[in-house]
Every structure is written in structure tokens, then in C-alpha cells.
């Protein structure tokens, strides 16, 4: 057992490449960009092939398969079937690649790859910010000069910075194998400084909220009895649940605190337009990945009603409601609730500090989703898949989630996994 981790490690002789996984995650974090579709397709195939070449079975959670199946089914009523097929193929390959690689590398290996990706992303972004301002900084009157780095927009950069800070902090405190705590603390500081440079009020608010949750989870990991650990986990989760229920009805109050206008910089206009479309097709939506592209009749209609072009709903909940309906949103949130439940059980049963990562990530995604893309973006969705896979497969009570084994890839991963 590695000191401080509270999780046993059994070393297998062959593992797929963490470096390849890191490159895959970098390509995801920076989306969208020119050529990203085919690059991600290619990298997903390489990741799956790397796992198969190492002789490891390919595991995908049943709850993830249920979400993907609904998205695939939506092609039958999609307003743009070709887009649903195109985007569904991409997200399907990306999801399988993420799930199988995370299953094989385990928590420590997956986090090492993720931190490698964050180091590269932050380094390149700061180089662009300082050396190529026309690319690395926000142009225009609104928030001009703020940090963008290699991302399409500063809010995307802020989201990545929040996830990066959580990941480095968890890895440092947990003293994961192959991770130097002092280095991870340093990158935690870099992530926070970068977040401040984006001037994102949403990102800062989410980091503060998740930071409080993470602090309580770290205290819980050091409690000697299961009863005390249960108490601290409840103290960490209960305020977050209350905040998630309170936020949607009090966004105006939050907006004033961060100096935004009454429309939440246009968000309320977008939500009103999206809501009107959702009411016309509430259960099934209009097709996964079928919107936010010029030429799609529904998208053009939404843009005309809003008075300007917008390329997502500025809320993961509204975006999934519009694309996949109530059924699709329930499947996704159900998947995230499963991850929260299993992460809590892992914390309470003595999973150690490392168990705080999947729980903190899901909490972050759920809060962030109120007024940003969060888990509706490719990178956010991948983080949700990673959190669910880790919380499901590496549990201290040794019960692995049922899996779908892909044809020709051997039997399911046993419950004797690298971390348990």
C-alpha cells in the first residue's frame, strides 16, 4: 500500500501508454479547433488499439452505454440526422477510448496522464498569452486582454483551470505513486493564477465551492472511524446539493455579485429561447449533436429569436434538454449521481484521499453546468466518464460494476483491479 493513498496497488507487467492518453486528453481539452474532429477520431482509435495490444479487456460501464444508446437512437427523430451520426460517432469513440484506458491505467495512472496533459496545456497557453497576444488573449472591448491561451474562449480556459487545480491538489495530498507532491502543489498554484488571469467569475466561484468540499473530504479521509468519515462526507455534499438547488432560481443575485448585467451577459436571453424550443419536444429533444451549426433550420430559428448567434445553450442542463430531451438528461444526471454515490461509499469505507478526486470532479461538473457547458462539452463529458469509471472500478469493498465487454476483446475486467 502506498503511503497516504489508502488504496492497494498490484503492478501488472504491461500497461498502455500514459503518454498517449495525455496527448489524447490535450487534444480534447483544446476543442474545438480546425481539424479536431478527425484528430480525435484517430487518437481514439489509437488509444483503444493500445489497450487491446497490451492484452487488456475493453470495459465500458452499463450506465455509459445507456447514455450512448439514447444518443444513437435520437438519429431517428433528429432535425439533422447527418450531424447526429457524425457527432455520435465521435463521442462514441472518445467515450470508449476514455473508459477502457481509465479502466486499465487505474486512478494513479489516469491522473498522471491528466496532469501531464494539464502541464502541457498550461505551458503552451502561457507561451501564447505572453508571446503571441493576438492569439493567447481575448480581443475586443468586453474583457479585452484576458487570458485565453490555446482555447477558443476564456471561459473554456477557466473551466480547464478549475479541473486542473482540483486534480493537482488531490494528487499532491494523496501522494500518488509517481507523483511528487511539491511539484503538484506548484502546478496547483499555476492553475489558480491562470484562472484569475481569465477573469472568470463563474470559474472562481466554482473553485471556491469545490475547494470547500474538497477540504472536508480530505478531513474525512483522515478520520479513523467510518462514522466520522460519513459525517464529514455528508458535511461536504449537503451544502453542494443545497447550492445546486438554490442557484437556478437566484442567478440574478449571483450575477450582481460578479458584476454582470441583468441578462447574465446574454445567458438569460439564450435560456428563454431554448426553453421555448424544449417545450415543443420535451421528452426526446431534437437529436444529439444536431444543433449549433449554420444551415440547421431549428438553429437558425433560435438565433433569429435571440437576436444573435450562439453556439451552445450556455448551460449543460439546457443543452442536453434541447438535444436529448428529459429522458437523455435523466440518463446523464443518473450516471453522475451513481458516480457521486459510489465515490461517497469509497470515501466512507476508507478509500483514502485519492477517492476524493472523482467526487470533487462530479461536484464541479454539476455546479458548473448551471451556466456553462461543463459536461456538455467533449472534455467535460470525458471527465464525467473518468470519474464514473474510477468510482465504479476501484472500490475498497472490492465490488466491480457490471460491464459491457466489446466483442473479441476477452472477458470483463475482474474486481481484482490495480486499485481497490
Foldseek 3Di string as FASTA:
>chain_A
DDPQQLWFFDDDPDAFDLQLVLVLLLLQLADDDPPSLVVNVVSLVVLVVRCLVSQHFQWAFPLVVVLLVLQLVLLVQALFNVQSVSVSSSLVSNLSSLLRNCQALALLSNLVSNLVNVVVQLVQLVCCLPPPVVQQFDDDDPRGSFGDGSHPALVSLLLSLLLLLLSLCLCLSSVRPPDPNVVSVVSNVSSVVNNVSSLDPLSVVLSVLLVQLLVLLQVLLPDDALVSSLVSNCVSVVVLVVCLVPCLVPVQVVCVVSPHDNCSVLLVLLLVLLVVQLVVPAAAANHPSREQDPPSVSQVVSCVSSVHRDRANQAQQSRCRRHGHPVSSCSLVVLLVLLLVLLSQQSSVNSGSSSVSLNSLSSSQSSSRSGHNQCVRSSNVSSSSSSSSNSQQAGPVQDHRDTDTDPPSDDDDHSPGRID
